[in-house]
């Protein structure tokens, strides 16, 4: 039930029809008795700057969840940038403080690693091929390195972007062999599609599926469709597949703890704990 006191959260995306976050977050809010709602805000990248000033002034706006193509851009617009968002250079959550300041943070990486763990996949010691170097991919690179991956090879259309990300990961986690390479999975145990390829039926595969081998795990960040062409091809090649929604499922509580005001109580009356 939406009331005059309901906190509104928007999810920024373009396109937006594929997002699962409103359904997942609203179910959590209902279960926890939180008077809040997540609604879609379909906003083109070219319109982000024009819309941004309104977000700090909307007093019933609790914050924003951010996805493609806005994750990197919002960090330059926010008043405060959290530790993970600063490290990654992108954010997927923005909290509106009581005074209108906007603070952002990134949870994709922790969510992705948490999703792996929930499915019994431990990244420690593994060699990972990461496809992409955008906001979600960068967050995943840092989180995999933090989780103890032996090697993270970044394959991206723009080599300079991949080189920059690899250098930043090595600087933050010297024990991880982070580097740049082609989109060839040979020698890797885990392949991660960190691009948006797969959202549309006409999208090409992010790599040549014929190069996949049985025993590899192929993971997605694309959530809709649930079974992308890459996952179908990987399964045909004898790979284990890991669905995109596991990343969101693992970070729902992280997002709620960051976004919802600490003064909001759960059904048991306990005050919520906010992530810094």
C-alpha atoms as a PDB file:
ATOM      1  CA  UNK A   1       0.000   0.000   0.000  1.00  0.00           C
ATOM      2  CA  UNK A   2       1.526   3.304  -1.112  1.00  0.00           C
ATOM      3  CA  UNK A   3       0.811   6.168   1.280  1.00  0.00           C
ATOM      4  CA  UNK A   4       1.771   9.807   1.585  1.00  0.00           C
ATOM      5  CA  UNK A   5       4.708   8.706   3.719  1.00  0.00           C
ATOM      6  CA  UNK A   6       6.056   6.118   1.298  1.00  0.00           C
ATOM      7  CA  UNK A   7       9.697   6.568   0.332  1.00  0.00           C
ATOM      8  CA  UNK A   8      10.185   6.309  -3.425  1.00  0.00           C
ATOM      9  CA  UNK A   9      13.280   4.768  -4.993  1.00  0.00           C
ATOM     10  CA  UNK A  10      13.936   4.951  -8.711  1.00  0.00           C
ATOM     11  CA  UNK A  11      15.962   2.573 -10.820  1.00  0.00           C
ATOM     12  CA  UNK A  12      17.802   4.401 -13.608  1.00  0.00           C
ATOM     13  CA  UNK A  13      18.346   2.465 -16.827  1.00  0.00           C
ATOM     14  CA  UNK A  14      18.183   2.618 -20.618  1.00  0.00           C
ATOM     15  CA  UNK A  15      16.723   0.251 -21.732  1.00  0.00           C
ATOM     16  CA  UNK A  16      14.666  -0.561 -18.653  1.00  0.00           C
ATOM     17  CA  UNK A  17      12.016  -3.185 -19.501  1.00  0.00           C
ATOM     18  CA  UNK A  18      14.425  -5.988 -18.563  1.00  0.00           C
ATOM     19  CA  UNK A  19      15.188  -4.909 -14.985  1.00  0.00           C
ATOM     20  CA  UNK A  20      14.282  -7.331 -12.173  1.00  0.00           C
ATOM     21  CA  UNK A  21      15.235  -5.033  -9.311  1.00  0.00           C
ATOM     22  CA  UNK A  22      11.799  -3.427  -8.674  1.00  0.00           C
ATOM     23  CA  UNK A  23      10.109  -6.801  -8.208  1.00  0.00           C
ATOM     24  CA  UNK A  24      12.875  -8.152  -5.972  1.00  0.00           C
ATOM     25  CA  UNK A  25      13.266  -5.028  -3.830  1.00  0.00           C
ATOM     26  CA  UNK A  26       9.530  -4.435  -3.455  1.00  0.00           C
ATOM     27  CA  UNK A  27       9.085  -8.019  -2.280  1.00  0.00           C
ATOM     28  CA  UNK A  28      11.783  -7.437   0.336  1.00  0.00           C
ATOM     29  CA  UNK A  29      10.172  -4.181   1.473  1.00  0.00           C
ATOM     30  CA  UNK A  30       6.810  -5.948   1.859  1.00  0.00           C
ATOM     31  CA  UNK A  31       8.349  -8.834   3.809  1.00  0.00           C
ATOM     32  CA  UNK A  32      10.168  -6.430   6.150  1.00  0.00           C
ATOM     33  CA  UNK A  33       7.253  -4.029   6.586  1.00  0.00           C
ATOM     34  CA  UNK A  34       9.230  -1.119   5.105  1.00  0.00           C
ATOM     35  CA  UNK A  35       7.093   1.720   3.717  1.00  0.00           C
ATOM     36  CA  UNK A  36       9.025   2.130   0.472  1.00  0.00           C
ATOM     37  CA  UNK A  37       8.668   1.317  -3.219  1.00  0.00           C
ATOM     38  CA  UNK A  38      11.047   0.950  -6.179  1.00  0.00           C
ATOM     39  CA  UNK A  39       9.802   2.215  -9.549  1.00  0.00           C
ATOM     40  CA  UNK A  40      11.466   2.358 -12.999  1.00  0.00           C
ATOM     41  CA  UNK A  41      12.959   5.657 -14.207  1.00  0.00           C
ATOM     42  CA  UNK A  42      13.661   5.262 -17.926  1.00  0.00           C
ATOM     43  CA  UNK A  43      16.368   7.853 -18.576  1.00  0.00           C
ATOM     44  CA  UNK A  44      18.723   8.180 -21.540  1.00  0.00           C
ATOM     45  CA  UNK A  45      22.399   8.856 -20.877  1.00  0.00           C
ATOM     46  CA  UNK A  46      22.101  12.242 -22.614  1.00  0.00           C
ATOM     47  CA  UNK A  47      19.365  13.311 -20.165  1.00  0.00           C
ATOM     48  CA  UNK A  48      21.071  12.287 -16.919  1.00  0.00           C
ATOM     49  CA  UNK A  49      22.656  15.677 -16.267  1.00  0.00           C
ATOM     50  CA  UNK A  50      19.390  17.542 -16.816  1.00  0.00           C
ATOM     51  CA  UNK A  51      17.420  15.251 -14.501  1.00  0.00           C
ATOM     52  CA  UNK A  52      20.015  15.056 -11.738  1.00  0.00           C
ATOM     53  CA  UNK A  53      19.291  18.334  -9.884  1.00  0.00           C
ATOM     54  CA  UNK A  54      15.707  17.225  -9.283  1.00  0.00           C
ATOM     55  CA  UNK A  55      16.786  14.089  -7.426  1.00  0.00           C
ATOM     56  CA  UNK A  56      18.345  16.063  -4.578  1.00  0.00           C
ATOM     57  CA  UNK A  57      15.204  18.208  -4.221  1.00  0.00           C
ATOM     58  CA  UNK A  58      12.566  15.462  -4.212  1.00  0.00           C
ATOM     59  CA  UNK A  59      12.026  15.011  -0.479  1.00  0.00           C
ATOM     60  CA  UNK A  60      10.071  11.786  -0.893  1.00  0.00           C
ATOM     61  CA  UNK A  61      12.908  10.271  -2.947  1.00  0.00           C
ATOM     62  CA  UNK A  62      14.946   7.904  -0.817  1.00  0.00           C
ATOM     63  CA  UNK A  63      17.519   7.198  -3.485  1.00  0.00           C
ATOM     64  CA  UNK A  64      18.316   5.518  -6.758  1.00  0.00           C
ATOM     65  CA  UNK A  65      19.447   2.144  -7.993  1.00  0.00           C
ATOM     66  CA  UNK A  66      21.631   2.605 -11.041  1.00  0.00           C
ATOM     67  CA  UNK A  67      22.326   0.356 -14.000  1.00  0.00           C
ATOM     68  CA  UNK A  68      23.379   0.563 -17.665  1.00  0.00           C
ATOM     69  CA  UNK A  69      24.396   3.095 -18.971  1.00  0.00           C
ATOM     70  CA  UNK A  70      24.632   5.367 -15.925  1.00  0.00           C
ATOM     71  CA  UNK A  71      26.940   3.603 -13.430  1.00  0.00           C
ATOM     72  CA  UNK A  72      30.107   5.506 -14.215  1.00  0.00           C
ATOM     73  CA  UNK A  73      28.464   8.887 -14.815  1.00  0.00           C
ATOM     74  CA  UNK A  74      26.718   9.122 -11.444  1.00  0.00           C
ATOM     75  CA  UNK A  75      29.986   9.103  -9.492  1.00  0.00           C
ATOM     76  CA  UNK A  76      30.866  12.523 -10.920  1.00  0.00           C
ATOM     77  CA  UNK A  77      27.422  13.898 -10.031  1.00  0.00           C
ATOM     78  CA  UNK A  78      27.149  12.735  -6.421  1.00  0.00           C
ATOM     79  CA  UNK A  79      28.177  14.838  -3.436  1.00  0.00           C
ATOM     80  CA  UNK A  80      29.860  11.874  -1.740  1.00  0.00           C
ATOM     81  CA  UNK A  81      31.375   8.716  -3.235  1.00  0.00           C
ATOM     82  CA  UNK A  82      31.751   5.564  -1.165  1.00  0.00           C
ATOM     83  CA  UNK A  83      34.923   3.498  -0.913  1.00  0.00           C
ATOM     84  CA  UNK A  84      33.971   0.768  -3.384  1.00  0.00           C
ATOM     85  CA  UNK A  85      32.503   3.234  -5.877  1.00  0.00           C
ATOM     86  CA  UNK A  86      35.679   5.331  -5.740  1.00  0.00           C
ATOM     87  CA  UNK A  87      37.852   2.263  -6.277  1.00  0.00           C
ATOM     88  CA  UNK A  88      35.759   0.976  -9.178  1.00  0.00           C
ATOM     89  CA  UNK A  89      34.916   4.355 -10.723  1.00  0.00           C
ATOM     90  CA  UNK A  90      31.219   3.490 -10.899  1.00  0.00           C
ATOM     91  CA  UNK A  91      28.212   3.095  -8.604  1.00  0.00           C
ATOM     92  CA  UNK A  92      24.941   1.200  -8.621  1.00  0.00           C
ATOM     93  CA  UNK A  93      23.222   2.814  -5.621  1.00  0.00           C
ATOM     94  CA  UNK A  94      22.643   6.445  -4.668  1.00  0.00           C
ATOM     95  CA  UNK A  95      21.225   7.465  -1.289  1.00  0.00           C
ATOM     96  CA  UNK A  96      19.520  10.821  -0.756  1.00  0.00           C
ATOM     97  CA  UNK A  97      20.427  12.186   2.657  1.00  0.00           C
ATOM     98  CA  UNK A  98      17.975  14.294   4.692  1.00  0.00           C
ATOM     99  CA  UNK A  99      19.723  17.503   3.633  1.00  0.00           C
ATOM    100  CA  UNK A 100      19.537  16.584  -0.065  1.00  0.00           C
ATOM    101  CA  UNK A 101      23.133  15.426  -0.469  1.00  0.00           C
ATOM    102  CA  UNK A 102      23.518  12.413  -2.727  1.00  0.00           C
ATOM    103  CA  UNK A 103      25.922   9.632  -1.725  1.00  0.00           C
ATOM    104  CA  UNK A 104      26.736   6.700  -3.991  1.00  0.00           C
ATOM    105  CA  UNK A 105      28.235   3.255  -3.517  1.00  0.00           C
ATOM    106  CA  UNK A 106      28.876   0.125  -5.599  1.00  0.00           C
ATOM    107  CA  UNK A 107      27.568  -3.325  -4.654  1.00  0.00           C
ATOM    108  CA  UNK A 108      27.766  -5.262  -7.939  1.00  0.00           C
ATOM    109  CA  UNK A 109      31.102  -6.870  -7.105  1.00  0.00           C
ATOM    110  CA  UNK A 110      30.137  -8.038  -3.639  1.00  0.00           C
ATOM    111  CA  UNK A 111      26.813  -9.207  -5.039  1.00  0.00           C
ATOM    112  CA  UNK A 112      28.467 -11.198  -7.815  1.00  0.00           C
ATOM    113  CA  UNK A 113      30.923 -12.955  -5.489  1.00  0.00           C
ATOM    114  CA  UNK A 114      28.101 -13.561  -3.004  1.00  0.00           C
ATOM    115  CA  UNK A 115      26.023 -15.092  -5.786  1.00  0.00           C
ATOM    116  CA  UNK A 116      28.892 -17.436  -6.687  1.00  0.00           C
ATOM    117  CA  UNK A 117      29.245 -18.473  -3.056  1.00  0.00           C
ATOM    118  CA  UNK A 118      25.520 -19.149  -2.745  1.00  0.00           C
ATOM    119  CA  UNK A 119      25.829 -21.597  -5.645  1.00  0.00           C
ATOM    120  CA  UNK A 120      28.862 -23.319  -4.190  1.00  0.00           C
ATOM    121  CA  UNK A 121      31.411 -21.668  -6.480  1.00  0.00           C
ATOM    122  CA  UNK A 122      34.513 -20.449  -4.670  1.00  0.00           C
ATOM    123  CA  UNK A 123      36.589 -17.956  -6.675  1.00  0.00           C
ATOM    124  CA  UNK A 124      39.730 -18.298  -4.522  1.00  0.00           C
ATOM    125  CA  UNK A 125      42.668 -19.595  -6.547  1.00  0.00           C
ATOM    126  CA  UNK A 126      40.746 -19.582  -9.821  1.00  0.00           C
ATOM    127  CA  UNK A 127      41.839 -18.130 -13.157  1.00  0.00           C
ATOM    128  CA  UNK A 128      39.081 -15.890 -14.487  1.00  0.00           C
ATOM    129  CA  UNK A 129      38.385 -14.473 -17.932  1.00  0.00           C
ATOM    130  CA  UNK A 130      36.336 -11.299 -17.496  1.00  0.00           C
ATOM    131  CA  UNK A 131      34.588  -9.979 -20.591  1.00  0.00           C
ATOM    132  CA  UNK A 132      34.130  -6.207 -20.412  1.00  0.00           C
ATOM    133  CA  UNK A 133      35.580  -3.325 -18.436  1.00  0.00           C
ATOM    134  CA  UNK A 134      32.500  -1.186 -17.733  1.00  0.00           C
ATOM    135  CA  UNK A 135      30.921  -0.410 -14.370  1.00  0.00           C
ATOM    136  CA  UNK A 136      29.658  -3.883 -13.459  1.00  0.00           C
ATOM    137  CA  UNK A 137      32.726  -5.620 -14.898  1.00  0.00           C
ATOM    138  CA  UNK A 138      35.076  -3.325 -12.979  1.00  0.00           C
ATOM    139  CA  UNK A 139      33.245  -3.992  -9.715  1.00  0.00           C
ATOM    140  CA  UNK A 140      33.456  -7.730 -10.376  1.00  0.00           C
ATOM    141  CA  UNK A 141      37.183  -7.517 -11.162  1.00  0.00           C
ATOM    142  CA  UNK A 142      37.960  -5.884  -7.813  1.00  0.00           C
ATOM    143  CA  UNK A 143      35.674  -8.245  -5.887  1.00  0.00           C
ATOM    144  CA  UNK A 144      37.184 -11.353  -7.516  1.00  0.00           C
ATOM    145  CA  UNK A 145      40.683 -10.113  -6.715  1.00  0.00           C
ATOM    146  CA  UNK A 146      39.638  -9.423  -3.129  1.00  0.00           C
ATOM    147  CA  UNK A 147      38.167 -12.944  -2.946  1.00  0.00           C
ATOM    148  CA  UNK A 148      41.552 -14.444  -3.818  1.00  0.00           C
ATOM    149  CA  UNK A 149      41.411 -15.207  -7.526  1.00  0.00           C
ATOM    150  CA  UNK A 150      44.812 -16.221  -8.843  1.00  0.00           C
ATOM    151  CA  UNK A 151      44.392 -14.417 -12.150  1.00  0.00           C
ATOM    152  CA  UNK A 152      41.863 -12.071 -13.746  1.00  0.00           C
ATOM    153  CA  UNK A 153      42.260 -11.593 -17.506  1.00  0.00           C
ATOM    154  CA  UNK A 154      40.226  -8.660 -18.821  1.00  0.00           C
ATOM    155  CA  UNK A 155      39.050  -8.736 -22.439  1.00  0.00           C
ATOM    156  CA  UNK A 156      37.488  -5.526 -23.709  1.00  0.00           C
ATOM    157  CA  UNK A 157      36.908  -3.893 -27.097  1.00  0.00           C
ATOM    158  CA  UNK A 158      38.842  -0.822 -25.964  1.00  0.00           C
ATOM    159  CA  UNK A 159      42.245  -2.118 -24.900  1.00  0.00           C
ATOM    160  CA  UNK A 160      43.216   1.070 -23.050  1.00  0.00           C
ATOM    161  CA  UNK A 161      40.160   0.770 -20.790  1.00  0.00           C
ATOM    162  CA  UNK A 162      41.047  -2.838 -19.980  1.00  0.00           C
ATOM    163  CA  UNK A 163      44.688  -1.887 -19.303  1.00  0.00           C
ATOM    164  CA  UNK A 164      43.601   0.871 -16.938  1.00  0.00           C
ATOM    165  CA  UNK A 165      41.279  -1.463 -15.016  1.00  0.00           C
ATOM    166  CA  UNK A 166      43.913  -4.191 -14.770  1.00  0.00           C
ATOM    167  CA  UNK A 167      46.476  -1.701 -13.428  1.00  0.00           C
ATOM    168  CA  UNK A 168      44.050  -0.453 -10.784  1.00  0.00           C
ATOM    169  CA  UNK A 169      43.212  -4.003  -9.694  1.00  0.00           C
ATOM    170  CA  UNK A 170      46.920  -4.891  -9.412  1.00  0.00           C
ATOM    171  CA  UNK A 171      47.542  -1.764  -7.360  1.00  0.00           C
ATOM    172  CA  UNK A 172      44.695  -2.556  -4.953  1.00  0.00           C
ATOM    173  CA  UNK A 173      45.370  -6.322  -4.792  1.00  0.00           C
ATOM    174  CA  UNK A 174      49.008  -7.081  -5.656  1.00  0.00           C
ATOM    175  CA  UNK A 175      48.560 -10.827  -5.035  1.00  0.00           C
ATOM    176  CA  UNK A 176      46.137 -11.068  -7.967  1.00  0.00           C
ATOM    177  CA  UNK A 177      47.671 -11.416 -11.435  1.00  0.00           C
ATOM    178  CA  UNK A 178      45.393  -8.938 -13.235  1.00  0.00           C
ATOM    179  CA  UNK A 179      46.096  -8.387 -16.908  1.00  0.00           C
ATOM    180  CA  UNK A 180      44.649  -7.920 -20.367  1.00  0.00           C
ATOM    181  CA  UNK A 181      44.080 -10.550 -23.015  1.00  0.00           C
ATOM    182  CA  UNK A 182      41.819 -11.714 -25.840  1.00  0.00           C
ATOM    183  CA  UNK A 183      38.352 -13.148 -25.306  1.00  0.00           C
ATOM    184  CA  UNK A 184      39.717 -16.682 -25.366  1.00  0.00           C
ATOM    185  CA  UNK A 185      38.763 -18.895 -22.419  1.00  0.00           C
ATOM    186  CA  UNK A 186      41.567 -21.459 -22.736  1.00  0.00           C
ATOM    187  CA  UNK A 187      43.499 -21.615 -19.462  1.00  0.00           C
ATOM    188  CA  UNK A 188      40.652 -20.152 -17.390  1.00  0.00           C
ATOM    189  CA  UNK A 189      38.279 -21.976 -15.061  1.00  0.00           C
ATOM    190  CA  UNK A 190      35.678 -19.212 -14.765  1.00  0.00           C
ATOM    191  CA  UNK A 191      34.386 -17.056 -17.644  1.00  0.00           C
ATOM    192  CA  UNK A 192      32.315 -13.999 -16.718  1.00  0.00           C
ATOM    193  CA  UNK A 193      30.272 -11.976 -19.197  1.00  0.00           C
ATOM    194  CA  UNK A 194      30.450  -8.515 -17.636  1.00  0.00           C
ATOM    195  CA  UNK A 195      29.025  -6.796 -20.729  1.00  0.00           C
ATOM    196  CA  UNK A 196      25.436  -6.045 -21.703  1.00  0.00           C
ATOM    197  CA  UNK A 197      25.674  -8.373 -24.720  1.00  0.00           C
ATOM    198  CA  UNK A 198      22.772 -10.781 -24.422  1.00  0.00           C
ATOM    199  CA  UNK A 199      20.111  -8.246 -23.468  1.00  0.00           C
ATOM    200  CA  UNK A 200      18.778  -8.161 -27.018  1.00  0.00           C
ATOM    201  CA  UNK A 201      18.034 -11.168 -29.231  1.00  0.00           C
ATOM    202  CA  UNK A 202      20.183  -9.717 -32.019  1.00  0.00           C
ATOM    203  CA  UNK A 203      23.277  -9.304 -29.810  1.00  0.00           C
ATOM    204  CA  UNK A 204      26.361 -11.275 -30.845  1.00  0.00           C
ATOM    205  CA  UNK A 205      28.026 -13.580 -28.343  1.00  0.00           C
ATOM    206  CA  UNK A 206      30.777 -11.882 -26.305  1.00  0.00           C
ATOM    207  CA  UNK A 207      33.185 -14.677 -27.291  1.00  0.00           C
ATOM    208  CA  UNK A 208      33.487 -17.644 -29.644  1.00  0.00           C
ATOM    209  CA  UNK A 209      31.543 -20.364 -27.838  1.00  0.00           C
ATOM    210  CA  UNK A 210      33.457 -23.051 -29.730  1.00  0.00           C
ATOM    211  CA  UNK A 211      36.464 -22.202 -27.540  1.00  0.00           C
ATOM    212  CA  UNK A 212      34.640 -23.162 -24.331  1.00  0.00           C
ATOM    213  CA  UNK A 213      35.573 -26.488 -22.753  1.00  0.00           C
ATOM    214  CA  UNK A 214      33.761 -28.910 -20.413  1.00  0.00           C
ATOM    215  CA  UNK A 215      34.495 -28.177 -16.787  1.00  0.00           C
ATOM    216  CA  UNK A 216      34.576 -24.402 -17.204  1.00  0.00           C
ATOM    217  CA  UNK A 217      32.000 -22.264 -15.401  1.00  0.00           C
ATOM    218  CA  UNK A 218      30.379 -19.542 -17.508  1.00  0.00           C
ATOM    219  CA  UNK A 219      28.674 -16.758 -15.547  1.00  0.00           C
ATOM    220  CA  UNK A 220      26.359 -13.949 -16.674  1.00  0.00           C
ATOM    221  CA  UNK A 221      25.499 -10.515 -15.355  1.00  0.00           C
ATOM    222  CA  UNK A 222      22.589 -10.165 -17.803  1.00  0.00           C
ATOM    223  CA  UNK A 223      19.391 -11.012 -15.918  1.00  0.00           C
ATOM    224  CA  UNK A 224      16.725 -10.836 -18.613  1.00  0.00           C
ATOM    225  CA  UNK A 225      16.552 -13.067 -20.486  1.00  0.00           C
ATOM    226  CA  UNK A 226      17.460 -15.468 -17.715  1.00  0.00           C
ATOM    227  CA  UNK A 227      19.001 -17.870 -20.211  1.00  0.00           C
ATOM    228  CA  UNK A 228      21.130 -15.866 -22.618  1.00  0.00           C
ATOM    229  CA  UNK A 229      22.497 -17.233 -25.867  1.00  0.00           C
ATOM    230  CA  UNK A 230      25.915 -17.427 -24.205  1.00  0.00           C
ATOM    231  CA  UNK A 231      24.651 -19.633 -21.374  1.00  0.00           C
ATOM    232  CA  UNK A 232      22.809 -21.914 -23.798  1.00  0.00           C
ATOM    233  CA  UNK A 233      25.941 -22.252 -25.922  1.00  0.00           C
ATOM    234  CA  UNK A 234      28.102 -22.883 -22.854  1.00  0.00           C
ATOM    235  CA  UNK A 235      25.807 -25.601 -21.590  1.00  0.00           C
ATOM    236  CA  UNK A 236      25.910 -27.321 -24.968  1.00  0.00           C
ATOM    237  CA  UNK A 237      29.708 -27.317 -24.659  1.00  0.00           C
ATOM    238  CA  UNK A 238      29.522 -29.092 -21.288  1.00  0.00           C
ATOM    239  CA  UNK A 239      30.154 -26.023 -19.095  1.00  0.00           C
ATOM    240  CA  UNK A 240      28.520 -25.224 -15.793  1.00  0.00           C
ATOM    241  CA  UNK A 241      26.406 -22.077 -16.131  1.00  0.00           C
ATOM    242  CA  UNK A 242      25.736 -19.382 -13.538  1.00  0.00           C
ATOM    243  CA  UNK A 243      22.684 -17.155 -14.057  1.00  0.00           C
ATOM    244  CA  UNK A 244      22.739 -13.375 -13.914  1.00  0.00           C
ATOM    245  CA  UNK A 245      20.036 -13.075 -11.270  1.00  0.00           C
ATOM    246  CA  UNK A 246      22.284 -14.642  -8.617  1.00  0.00           C
ATOM    247  CA  UNK A 247      24.227 -11.356  -8.469  1.00  0.00           C
ATOM    248  CA  UNK A 248      21.074  -9.359  -7.720  1.00  0.00           C
ATOM    249  CA  UNK A 249      19.716 -11.928  -5.280  1.00  0.00           C
ATOM    250  CA  UNK A 250      22.930 -11.732  -3.262  1.00  0.00           C
ATOM    251  CA  UNK A 251      23.040  -7.943  -3.102  1.00  0.00           C
ATOM    252  CA  UNK A 252      19.387  -7.147  -2.353  1.00  0.00           C
ATOM    253  CA  UNK A 253      20.002  -6.946   1.390  1.00  0.00           C
ATOM    254  CA  UNK A 254      23.161  -4.858   0.826  1.00  0.00           C
ATOM    255  CA  UNK A 255      21.186  -2.390  -1.282  1.00  0.00           C
ATOM    256  CA  UNK A 256      18.359  -2.160   1.243  1.00  0.00           C
ATOM    257  CA  UNK A 257      20.732  -1.600   4.163  1.00  0.00           C
ATOM    258  CA  UNK A 258      22.456   1.203   2.275  1.00  0.00           C
ATOM    259  CA  UNK A 259      19.384   2.904   0.823  1.00  0.00           C
ATOM    260  CA  UNK A 260      16.733   2.768   3.535  1.00  0.00           C
ATOM    261  CA  UNK A 261      17.030   5.352   6.370  1.00  0.00           C
ATOM    262  CA  UNK A 262      18.436   4.007   9.611  1.00  0.00           C
ATOM    263  CA  UNK A 263      15.369   5.346  11.441  1.00  0.00           C
ATOM    264  CA  UNK A 264      13.100   2.958   9.552  1.00  0.00           C
ATOM    265  CA  UNK A 265      12.253   0.001  11.785  1.00  0.00           C
ATOM    266  CA  UNK A 266      11.614  -3.585  10.746  1.00  0.00           C
ATOM    267  CA  UNK A 267       8.543  -5.510  11.996  1.00  0.00           C
ATOM    268  CA  UNK A 268      10.425  -6.523  15.154  1.00  0.00           C
ATOM    269  CA  UNK A 269      11.129  -2.884  15.917  1.00  0.00           C
ATOM    270  CA  UNK A 270      14.895  -3.120  15.400  1.00  0.00           C
ATOM    271  CA  UNK A 271      16.528  -0.096  13.822  1.00  0.00           C
ATOM    272  CA  UNK A 272      18.087  -0.727  10.431  1.00  0.00           C
ATOM    273  CA  UNK A 273      21.869  -0.654  10.146  1.00  0.00           C
ATOM    274  CA  UNK A 274      23.247   1.484   7.352  1.00  0.00           C
ATOM    275  CA  UNK A 275      26.311   0.713   5.303  1.00  0.00           C
ATOM    276  CA  UNK A 276      28.805   3.607   5.521  1.00  0.00           C
END
